[in-house]
Amino acid sequence: MRWPPALVAGAALTAVFVLAAALSFLWTPAPTTGMDIAARLRPPGGGHLLGTDHFGRDMLSMLMVGARTSLAVAVVAVGFGMAAGVPLGLLAAARQGSLVDEVVMRANDLVFAFPALVIAILITAVFGPSAFNAILAIGIFNTPVFARVSRGAALALWTLDYVRAAQVAGKGRARISVEHILPNILNLLIVQGTIQFSLGILAEAALSYVGLGAPPGTPSWGRMLAEAQTMIALAPHTAVIPGTAIVLAVLGLNLMGDGLRDITDPRLRGAP
């Protein structure tokens, strides 16, 4: 089987950031808490491969640990959204046209009315800024996305003969949803998951940029951008490097999502 070029390129880009995040648990070129004022705002090269920031911290080390923060927040938030949204979508599809379906979908519309940033502001106002609150905000925003995707895909399957045969055999709606519907929409959910994963990285960076994500002292790509904005004229690398990391990470995940879609969609599988 020939792998789509988008999948290969996306998986390679994503693997680089995952490996960098994993390696940061064991080793970084310099401690992320170590400050060398004499070496502050040093350009890439020499003893610091990617230069230093305004505190003299090693940019490569900050980037590696920041990848860990961004990926962890995005993974948990997307997992939260999927775990909450998929059952709701399956329930709504199984009860199509009922009060349950109406309540679930109108609740989804209500959540969609509030962007992740607004939800984060509300949560932060009560509990304070933290990575956990960023996860909660992004996860809540992802829930209606997975609910709608799973409901739409499931509704199409409820009209097929094998599902009707399962109903005639005496299986309940919940059992049919788990045994027959969910396995057949899993590929669609995986593709949607990669897309939401990339959006989760963007959302985490945005929340950290405005001070609603990882707390001060915790390396984060968004916080690195926020700290670099006043130094961009003196040391543009302090903004370019984390900005490029965000772009490449999101690009890799989007390419991987496109490649997975090409593999799992029968209409595209044989396309040149």
C-alpha atoms as a PDB file:
ATOM      1  CA  MET A   1       0.000   0.000   0.000  1.00  0.00           C
ATOM      2  CA  ARG A   2       1.319   3.415  -0.976  1.00  0.00           C
ATOM      3  CA  TRP A   3       1.258   5.959   1.851  1.00  0.00           C
ATOM      4  CA  PRO A   4      -0.022   9.430   0.867  1.00  0.00           C
ATOM      5  CA  PRO A   5       2.811  12.000   0.778  1.00  0.00           C
ATOM      6  CA  ALA A   6       0.809  14.271   3.102  1.00  0.00           C
ATOM      7  CA  LEU A   7       0.643  11.529   5.724  1.00  0.00           C
ATOM      8  CA  VAL A   8       4.379  10.824   5.508  1.00  0.00           C
ATOM      9  CA  ALA A   9       5.332  14.506   5.722  1.00  0.00           C
ATOM     10  CA  GLY A  10       2.862  15.193   8.515  1.00  0.00           C
ATOM     11  CA  ALA A  11       3.936  12.159  10.534  1.00  0.00           C
ATOM     12  CA  ALA A  12       7.608  13.123  10.154  1.00  0.00           C
ATOM     13  CA  LEU A  13       6.997  16.686  11.355  1.00  0.00           C
ATOM     14  CA  THR A  14       4.850  15.505  14.254  1.00  0.00           C
ATOM     15  CA  ALA A  15       7.423  12.876  15.238  1.00  0.00           C
ATOM     16  CA  VAL A  16      10.133  15.549  15.513  1.00  0.00           C
ATOM     17  CA  PHE A  17       8.129  17.500  18.088  1.00  0.00           C
ATOM     18  CA  VAL A  18       7.008  14.390  19.971  1.00  0.00           C
ATOM     19  CA  LEU A  19      10.610  13.153  20.201  1.00  0.00           C
ATOM     20  CA  ALA A  20      11.801  16.611  21.305  1.00  0.00           C
ATOM     21  CA  ALA A  21       9.134  16.672  24.021  1.00  0.00           C
ATOM     22  CA  ALA A  22      10.018  13.134  25.160  1.00  0.00           C
ATOM     23  CA  LEU A  23      13.748  13.903  25.161  1.00  0.00           C
ATOM     24  CA  SER A  24      13.161  16.983  27.333  1.00  0.00           C
ATOM     25  CA  PHE A  25      12.201  14.680  30.235  1.00  0.00           C
ATOM     26  CA  LEU A  26      15.724  13.230  30.152  1.00  0.00           C
ATOM     27  CA  TRP A  27      17.952  15.944  28.716  1.00  0.00           C
ATOM     28  CA  THR A  28      18.012  19.549  27.541  1.00  0.00           C
ATOM     29  CA  PRO A  29      21.070  21.532  26.359  1.00  0.00           C
ATOM     30  CA  ALA A  30      20.732  23.785  29.427  1.00  0.00           C
ATOM     31  CA  PRO A  31      18.392  24.041  32.438  1.00  0.00           C
ATOM     32  CA  THR A  32      15.254  26.003  31.530  1.00  0.00           C
ATOM     33  CA  THR A  33      15.462  27.782  34.897  1.00  0.00           C
ATOM     34  CA  GLY A  34      19.104  28.734  34.400  1.00  0.00           C
ATOM     35  CA  MET A  35      19.678  32.407  33.587  1.00  0.00           C
ATOM     36  CA  ASP A  36      22.878  33.807  32.102  1.00  0.00           C
ATOM     37  CA  ILE A  37      22.433  37.595  32.042  1.00  0.00           C
ATOM     38  CA  ALA A  38      25.794  38.056  30.337  1.00  0.00           C
ATOM     39  CA  ALA A  39      24.560  35.931  27.413  1.00  0.00           C
ATOM     40  CA  ARG A  40      21.075  37.455  27.091  1.00  0.00           C
ATOM     41  CA  LEU A  41      19.583  37.968  23.598  1.00  0.00           C
ATOM     42  CA  ARG A  42      22.460  36.105  21.990  1.00  0.00           C
ATOM     43  CA  PRO A  43      21.667  35.110  18.348  1.00  0.00           C
ATOM     44  CA  PRO A  44      21.647  31.475  17.217  1.00  0.00           C
ATOM     45  CA  GLY A  45      25.046  29.848  17.067  1.00  0.00           C
ATOM     46  CA  GLY A  46      28.041  29.275  19.298  1.00  0.00           C
ATOM     47  CA  GLY A  47      27.245  27.728  22.647  1.00  0.00           C
ATOM     48  CA  HIS A  48      23.488  28.228  22.132  1.00  0.00           C
ATOM     49  CA  LEU A  49      22.248  26.573  18.944  1.00  0.00           C
ATOM     50  CA  LEU A  50      19.044  28.657  18.791  1.00  0.00           C
ATOM     51  CA  GLY A  51      20.306  31.618  20.821  1.00  0.00           C
ATOM     52  CA  THR A  52      19.066  32.921  24.156  1.00  0.00           C
ATOM     53  CA  ASP A  53      16.115  34.993  25.362  1.00  0.00           C
ATOM     54  CA  HIS A  54      16.027  38.237  27.369  1.00  0.00           C
ATOM     55  CA  PHE A  55      16.858  36.336  30.562  1.00  0.00           C
ATOM     56  CA  GLY A  56      19.777  34.486  28.986  1.00  0.00           C
ATOM     57  CA  ARG A  57      17.884  31.179  28.915  1.00  0.00           C
ATOM     58  CA  ASP A  58      18.725  28.684  26.182  1.00  0.00           C
ATOM     59  CA  MET A  59      16.052  28.890  23.447  1.00  0.00           C
ATOM     60  CA  LEU A  60      16.435  25.276  22.330  1.00  0.00           C
ATOM     61  CA  SER A  61      15.852  24.028  25.871  1.00  0.00           C
ATOM     62  CA  MET A  62      12.828  26.290  26.246  1.00  0.00           C
ATOM     63  CA  LEU A  63      11.487  25.082  22.899  1.00  0.00           C
ATOM     64  CA  MET A  64      11.844  21.411  23.869  1.00  0.00           C
ATOM     65  CA  VAL A  65      10.103  21.809  27.221  1.00  0.00           C
ATOM     66  CA  GLY A  66       7.521  24.090  25.595  1.00  0.00           C
ATOM     67  CA  ALA A  67       6.714  21.286  23.142  1.00  0.00           C
ATOM     68  CA  ARG A  68       6.025  19.058  26.130  1.00  0.00           C
ATOM     69  CA  THR A  69       3.624  21.601  27.591  1.00  0.00           C
ATOM     70  CA  SER A  70       1.808  22.328  24.323  1.00  0.00           C
ATOM     71  CA  LEU A  71       1.452  18.677  23.301  1.00  0.00           C
ATOM     72  CA  ALA A  72       0.339  17.572  26.765  1.00  0.00           C
ATOM     73  CA  VAL A  73      -2.350  20.254  26.987  1.00  0.00           C
ATOM     74  CA  ALA A  74      -3.593  19.515  23.448  1.00  0.00           C
ATOM     75  CA  VAL A  75      -3.656  15.722  23.925  1.00  0.00           C
ATOM     76  CA  VAL A  76      -5.539  15.832  27.224  1.00  0.00           C
ATOM     77  CA  ALA A  77      -7.947  18.522  26.011  1.00  0.00           C
ATOM     78  CA  VAL A  78      -8.769  16.627  22.800  1.00  0.00           C
ATOM     79  CA  GLY A  79      -9.107  13.387  24.779  1.00  0.00           C
ATOM     80  CA  PHE A  80     -11.504  15.145  27.144  1.00  0.00           C
ATOM     81  CA  GLY A  81     -13.536  16.530  24.243  1.00  0.00           C
ATOM     82  CA  MET A  82     -13.680  13.160  22.516  1.00  0.00           C
ATOM     83  CA  ALA A  83     -14.591  11.251  25.688  1.00  0.00           C
ATOM     84  CA  ALA A  84     -17.440  13.661  26.421  1.00  0.00           C
ATOM     85  CA  GLY A  85     -18.583  14.489  22.896  1.00  0.00           C
ATOM     86  CA  VAL A  86     -18.694  11.077  21.203  1.00  0.00           C
ATOM     87  CA  PRO A  87     -21.123   9.466  23.701  1.00  0.00           C
ATOM     88  CA  LEU A  88     -23.354  12.541  23.494  1.00  0.00           C
ATOM     89  CA  GLY A  89     -23.339  12.387  19.690  1.00  0.00           C
ATOM     90  CA  LEU A  90     -24.133   8.671  19.668  1.00  0.00           C
ATOM     91  CA  LEU A  91     -26.916   9.203  22.195  1.00  0.00           C
ATOM     92  CA  ALA A  92     -28.427  12.014  20.120  1.00  0.00           C
ATOM     93  CA  ALA A  93     -28.277   9.908  16.944  1.00  0.00           C
ATOM     94  CA  ALA A  94     -29.842   6.915  18.680  1.00  0.00           C
ATOM     95  CA  ARG A  95     -32.679   9.128  19.922  1.00  0.00           C
ATOM     96  CA  GLN A  96     -33.074  11.165  16.729  1.00  0.00           C
ATOM     97  CA  GLY A  97     -36.042  13.519  16.871  1.00  0.00           C
ATOM     98  CA  SER A  98     -36.624  12.998  20.591  1.00  0.00           C
ATOM     99  CA  LEU A  99     -36.315  15.445  23.472  1.00  0.00           C
ATOM    100  CA  VAL A 100     -32.911  13.942  24.307  1.00  0.00           C
ATOM    101  CA  ASP A 101     -31.610  14.710  20.818  1.00  0.00           C
ATOM    102  CA  GLU A 102     -32.955  18.266  20.999  1.00  0.00           C
ATOM    103  CA  VAL A 103     -31.446  18.952  24.441  1.00  0.00           C
ATOM    104  CA  VAL A 104     -28.005  17.590  23.458  1.00  0.00           C
ATOM    105  CA  MET A 105     -27.791  19.551  20.229  1.00  0.00           C
ATOM    106  CA  ARG A 106     -29.070  22.829  21.723  1.00  0.00           C
ATOM    107  CA  ALA A 107     -26.545  22.456  24.542  1.00  0.00           C
ATOM    108  CA  ASN A 108     -23.855  22.048  21.873  1.00  0.00           C
ATOM    109  CA  ASP A 109     -25.063  25.235  20.184  1.00  0.00           C
ATOM    110  CA  LEU A 110     -24.808  27.036  23.518  1.00  0.00           C
ATOM    111  CA  VAL A 111     -21.177  25.969  23.996  1.00  0.00           C
ATOM    112  CA  PHE A 112     -20.359  26.951  20.395  1.00  0.00           C
ATOM    113  CA  ALA A 113     -21.576  30.462  21.189  1.00  0.00           C
ATOM    114  CA  PHE A 114     -18.586  30.924  23.517  1.00  0.00           C
ATOM    115  CA  PRO A 115     -15.096  30.662  21.940  1.00  0.00           C
ATOM    116  CA  ALA A 116     -12.398  28.799  23.860  1.00  0.00           C
ATOM    117  CA  LEU A 117     -10.787  32.099  24.873  1.00  0.00           C
ATOM    118  CA  VAL A 118     -14.010  33.357  26.463  1.00  0.00           C
ATOM    119  CA  ILE A 119     -14.496  30.047  28.286  1.00  0.00           C
ATOM    120  CA  ALA A 120     -10.895  30.266  29.506  1.00  0.00           C
ATOM    121  CA  ILE A 121     -11.458  33.802  30.799  1.00  0.00           C
ATOM    122  CA  LEU A 122     -14.537  32.655  32.714  1.00  0.00           C
ATOM    123  CA  ILE A 123     -12.709  29.668  34.213  1.00  0.00           C
ATOM    124  CA  THR A 124      -9.606  31.724  35.022  1.00  0.00           C
ATOM    125  CA  ALA A 125     -11.683  34.394  36.719  1.00  0.00           C
ATOM    126  CA  VAL A 126     -12.906  31.748  39.163  1.00  0.00           C
ATOM    127  CA  PHE A 127      -9.941  29.392  39.555  1.00  0.00           C
ATOM    128  CA  GLY A 128      -6.942  31.407  38.325  1.00  0.00           C
ATOM    129  CA  PRO A 129      -4.606  30.795  35.344  1.00  0.00           C
ATOM    130  CA  SER A 130      -3.075  27.318  35.026  1.00  0.00           C
ATOM    131  CA  ALA A 131      -2.413  24.586  32.465  1.00  0.00           C
ATOM    132  CA  PHE A 132      -5.309  22.569  33.936  1.00  0.00           C
ATOM    133  CA  ASN A 133      -7.741  25.416  33.338  1.00  0.00           C
ATOM    134  CA  ALA A 134      -6.464  25.748  29.751  1.00  0.00           C
ATOM    135  CA  ILE A 135      -7.111  22.020  29.274  1.00  0.00           C
ATOM    136  CA  LEU A 136     -10.606  22.418  30.713  1.00  0.00           C
ATOM    137  CA  ALA A 137     -11.430  25.363  28.440  1.00  0.00           C
ATOM    138  CA  ILE A 138     -10.139  23.683  25.272  1.00  0.00           C
ATOM    139  CA  GLY A 139     -11.772  20.375  26.239  1.00  0.00           C
ATOM    140  CA  ILE A 140     -15.170  22.029  26.775  1.00  0.00           C
ATOM    141  CA  PHE A 141     -14.865  23.721  23.377  1.00  0.00           C
ATOM    142  CA  ASN A 142     -13.946  20.398  21.700  1.00  0.00           C
ATOM    143  CA  THR A 143     -16.912  18.512  23.172  1.00  0.00           C
ATOM    144  CA  PRO A 144     -19.610  19.851  20.794  1.00  0.00           C
ATOM    145  CA  VAL A 145     -17.270  19.366  17.819  1.00  0.00           C
ATOM    146  CA  PHE A 146     -17.003  15.625  18.444  1.00  0.00           C
ATOM    147  CA  ALA A 147     -20.684  15.426  19.381  1.00  0.00           C
ATOM    148  CA  ARG A 148     -21.735  16.894  16.036  1.00  0.00           C
ATOM    149  CA  VAL A 149     -19.304  14.816  13.989  1.00  0.00           C
ATOM    150  CA  SER A 150     -20.292  11.546  15.687  1.00  0.00           C
ATOM    151  CA  ARG A 151     -24.018  12.345  15.510  1.00  0.00           C
ATOM    152  CA  GLY A 152     -23.877  13.214  11.803  1.00  0.00           C
ATOM    153  CA  ALA A 153     -21.916  10.076  10.929  1.00  0.00           C
ATOM    154  CA  ALA A 154     -24.077   7.862  13.135  1.00  0.00           C
ATOM    155  CA  LEU A 155     -27.341   9.122  11.642  1.00  0.00           C
ATOM    156  CA  ALA A 156     -26.243   7.899   8.221  1.00  0.00           C
ATOM    157  CA  LEU A 157     -25.510   4.432   9.627  1.00  0.00           C
ATOM    158  CA  TRP A 158     -28.825   4.041  11.444  1.00  0.00           C
ATOM    159  CA  THR A 159     -30.569   3.747   8.048  1.00  0.00           C
ATOM    160  CA  LEU A 160     -28.381   0.870   6.812  1.00  0.00           C
ATOM    161  CA  ASP A 161     -29.581  -2.739   6.599  1.00  0.00           C
ATOM    162  CA  TYR A 162     -27.097  -4.252   9.049  1.00  0.00           C
ATOM    163  CA  VAL A 163     -28.224  -1.835  11.775  1.00  0.00           C
ATOM    164  CA  ARG A 164     -31.862  -2.618  11.074  1.00  0.00           C
ATOM    165  CA  ALA A 165     -31.003  -6.308  11.250  1.00  0.00           C
ATOM    166  CA  ALA A 166     -29.437  -5.768  14.668  1.00  0.00           C
ATOM    167  CA  GLN A 167     -32.647  -4.058  15.798  1.00  0.00           C
ATOM    168  CA  VAL A 168     -34.752  -6.946  14.525  1.00  0.00           C
ATOM    169  CA  ALA A 169     -32.448  -9.312  16.434  1.00  0.00           C
ATOM    170  CA  GLY A 170     -33.487  -7.557  19.640  1.00  0.00           C
ATOM    171  CA  LYS A 171     -30.411  -5.449  20.356  1.00  0.00           C
ATOM    172  CA  GLY A 172     -31.020  -2.182  22.182  1.00  0.00           C
ATOM    173  CA  ARG A 173     -30.017   1.215  20.852  1.00  0.00           C
ATOM    174  CA  ALA A 174     -27.132   1.568  23.309  1.00  0.00           C
ATOM    175  CA  ARG A 175     -25.681  -1.820  22.354  1.00  0.00           C
ATOM    176  CA  ILE A 176     -26.050  -1.096  18.639  1.00  0.00           C
ATOM    177  CA  SER A 177     -24.309   2.251  19.101  1.00  0.00           C
ATOM    178  CA  VAL A 178     -21.331   0.601  20.796  1.00  0.00           C
ATOM    179  CA  GLU A 179     -21.059  -2.602  18.753  1.00  0.00           C
ATOM    180  CA  HIS A 180     -22.057  -1.436  15.268  1.00  0.00           C
ATOM    181  CA  ILE A 181     -22.068   2.353  15.001  1.00  0.00           C
ATOM    182  CA  LEU A 182     -18.918   3.370  16.905  1.00  0.00           C
ATOM    183  CA  PRO A 183     -16.486   0.966  15.123  1.00  0.00           C
ATOM    184  CA  ASN A 184     -17.676   2.253  11.746  1.00  0.00           C
ATOM    185  CA  ILE A 185     -17.196   5.939  12.555  1.00  0.00           C
ATOM    186  CA  LEU A 186     -13.922   5.489  14.433  1.00  0.00           C
ATOM    187  CA  ASN A 187     -11.803   6.374  11.385  1.00  0.00           C
ATOM    188  CA  LEU A 188     -13.700   9.637  10.980  1.00  0.00           C
ATOM    189  CA  LEU A 189     -13.201  10.439  14.666  1.00  0.00           C
ATOM    190  CA  ILE A 190      -9.452   9.789  14.398  1.00  0.00           C
ATOM    191  CA  VAL A 191      -9.146  12.194  11.474  1.00  0.00           C
ATOM    192  CA  GLN A 192     -11.193  14.798  13.339  1.00  0.00           C
ATOM    193  CA  GLY A 193      -9.013  14.194  16.389  1.00  0.00           C
ATOM    194  CA  THR A 194      -5.834  15.121  14.511  1.00  0.00           C
ATOM    195  CA  ILE A 195      -7.481  18.334  13.292  1.00  0.00           C
ATOM    196  CA  GLN A 196      -8.639  19.243  16.802  1.00  0.00           C
ATOM    197  CA  PHE A 197      -5.180  18.361  18.113  1.00  0.00           C
ATOM    198  CA  SER A 198      -3.627  21.014  15.877  1.00  0.00           C
ATOM    199  CA  LEU A 199      -6.296  23.518  16.920  1.00  0.00           C
ATOM    200  CA  GLY A 200      -5.584  22.575  20.537  1.00  0.00           C
ATOM    201  CA  ILE A 201      -1.931  23.550  20.114  1.00  0.00           C
ATOM    202  CA  LEU A 202      -3.004  26.898  18.650  1.00  0.00           C
ATOM    203  CA  ALA A 203      -5.508  27.427  21.460  1.00  0.00           C
ATOM    204  CA  GLU A 204      -2.938  26.589  24.148  1.00  0.00           C
ATOM    205  CA  ALA A 205      -0.451  28.999  22.583  1.00  0.00           C
ATOM    206  CA  ALA A 206      -3.103  31.727  22.404  1.00  0.00           C
ATOM    207  CA  LEU A 207      -4.158  31.216  26.019  1.00  0.00           C
ATOM    208  CA  SER A 208      -0.549  31.234  27.234  1.00  0.00           C
ATOM    209  CA  TYR A 209       0.131  34.333  25.141  1.00  0.00           C
ATOM    210  CA  VAL A 210      -2.563  36.300  26.978  1.00  0.00           C
ATOM    211  CA  GLY A 211      -1.574  34.854  30.367  1.00  0.00           C
ATOM    212  CA  LEU A 212      -4.426  32.347  30.756  1.00  0.00           C
ATOM    213  CA  GLY A 213      -2.451  29.155  30.149  1.00  0.00           C
ATOM    214  CA  ALA A 214       0.706  27.790  31.718  1.00  0.00           C
ATOM    215  CA  PRO A 215       1.772  29.822  34.785  1.00  0.00           C
ATOM    216  CA  PRO A 216       4.926  31.991  34.743  1.00  0.00           C
ATOM    217  CA  GLY A 217       8.071  29.895  34.928  1.00  0.00           C
ATOM    218  CA  THR A 218       6.575  27.046  32.881  1.00  0.00           C
ATOM    219  CA  PRO A 219       8.023  27.060  29.332  1.00  0.00           C
ATOM    220  CA  SER A 220       5.305  27.381  26.713  1.00  0.00           C
ATOM    221  CA  TRP A 221       5.437  28.422  23.070  1.00  0.00           C
ATOM    222  CA  GLY A 222       2.695  31.000  23.594  1.00  0.00           C
ATOM    223  CA  ARG A 223       4.404  32.469  26.664  1.00  0.00           C
ATOM    224  CA  MET A 224       7.712  32.584  24.751  1.00  0.00           C
ATOM    225  CA  LEU A 225       5.981  34.675  22.078  1.00  0.00           C
ATOM    226  CA  ALA A 226       4.425  36.955  24.687  1.00  0.00           C
ATOM    227  CA  GLU A 227       7.792  37.551  26.361  1.00  0.00           C
ATOM    228  CA  ALA A 228       9.494  38.180  23.007  1.00  0.00           C
ATOM    229  CA  GLN A 229       7.096  40.841  21.720  1.00  0.00           C
ATOM    230  CA  THR A 230       8.968  43.714  23.388  1.00  0.00           C
ATOM    231  CA  MET A 231      12.342  42.379  22.216  1.00  0.00           C
ATOM    232  CA  ILE A 232      11.483  41.583  18.611  1.00  0.00           C
ATOM    233  CA  ALA A 233      13.423  44.564  17.209  1.00  0.00           C
ATOM    234  CA  LEU A 234      16.546  43.708  19.216  1.00  0.00           C
ATOM    235  CA  ALA A 235      16.395  39.917  18.918  1.00  0.00           C
ATOM    236  CA  PRO A 236      13.859  38.723  16.316  1.00  0.00           C
ATOM    237  CA  HIS A 237      14.887  35.089  16.853  1.00  0.00           C
ATOM    238  CA  THR A 238      13.125  35.093  20.238  1.00  0.00           C
ATOM    239  CA  ALA A 239       9.775  35.443  18.416  1.00  0.00           C
ATOM    240  CA  VAL A 240      10.588  33.706  15.133  1.00  0.00           C
ATOM    241  CA  ILE A 241      11.697  30.431  16.739  1.00  0.00           C
ATOM    242  CA  PRO A 242       8.591  29.672  18.873  1.00  0.00           C
ATOM    243  CA  GLY A 243       6.341  31.052  16.118  1.00  0.00           C
ATOM    244  CA  THR A 244       7.938  28.706  13.588  1.00  0.00           C
ATOM    245  CA  ALA A 245       7.559  25.786  16.002  1.00  0.00           C
ATOM    246  CA  ILE A 246       3.819  26.457  16.307  1.00  0.00           C
ATOM    247  CA  VAL A 247       3.417  26.728  12.520  1.00  0.00           C
ATOM    248  CA  LEU A 248       5.321  23.503  11.830  1.00  0.00           C
ATOM    249  CA  ALA A 249       3.539  21.537  14.571  1.00  0.00           C
ATOM    250  CA  VAL A 250       0.107  22.611  13.307  1.00  0.00           C
ATOM    251  CA  LEU A 251       1.135  22.005   9.681  1.00  0.00           C
ATOM    252  CA  GLY A 252       2.364  18.507  10.526  1.00  0.00           C
ATOM    253  CA  LEU A 253      -0.862  17.551  12.272  1.00  0.00           C
ATOM    254  CA  ASN A 254      -3.030  18.973   9.480  1.00  0.00           C
ATOM    255  CA  LEU A 255      -1.025  17.094   6.849  1.00  0.00           C
ATOM    256  CA  MET A 256      -1.344  13.920   8.897  1.00  0.00           C
ATOM    257  CA  GLY A 257      -5.092  14.449   9.164  1.00  0.00           C
ATOM    258  CA  ASP A 258      -5.356  14.887   5.384  1.00  0.00           C
ATOM    259  CA  GLY A 259      -3.328  11.730   4.844  1.00  0.00           C
ATOM    260  CA  LEU A 260      -5.461   9.706   7.251  1.00  0.00           C
ATOM    261  CA  ARG A 261      -8.582  10.966   5.506  1.00  0.00           C
ATOM    262  CA  ASP A 262      -7.197   9.834   2.131  1.00  0.00           C
ATOM    263  CA  ILE A 263      -6.505   6.354   3.539  1.00  0.00           C
ATOM    264  CA  THR A 264      -9.782   5.857   5.398  1.00  0.00           C
ATOM    265  CA  ASP A 265     -12.187   7.404   2.869  1.00  0.00           C
ATOM    266  CA  PRO A 266     -13.114   4.748   0.259  1.00  0.00           C
ATOM    267  CA  ARG A 267     -13.933   7.485  -2.260  1.00  0.00           C
ATOM    268  CA  LEU A 268     -10.377   8.831  -2.068  1.00  0.00           C
ATOM    269  CA  ARG A 269      -8.477   5.570  -1.529  1.00  0.00           C
ATOM    270  CA  GLY A 270      -8.123   4.859  -5.211  1.00  0.00           C
ATOM    271  CA  ALA A 271      -7.627   8.450  -6.260  1.00  0.00           C
ATOM    272  CA  PRO A 272      -4.246   9.328  -7.827  1.00  0.00           C
END
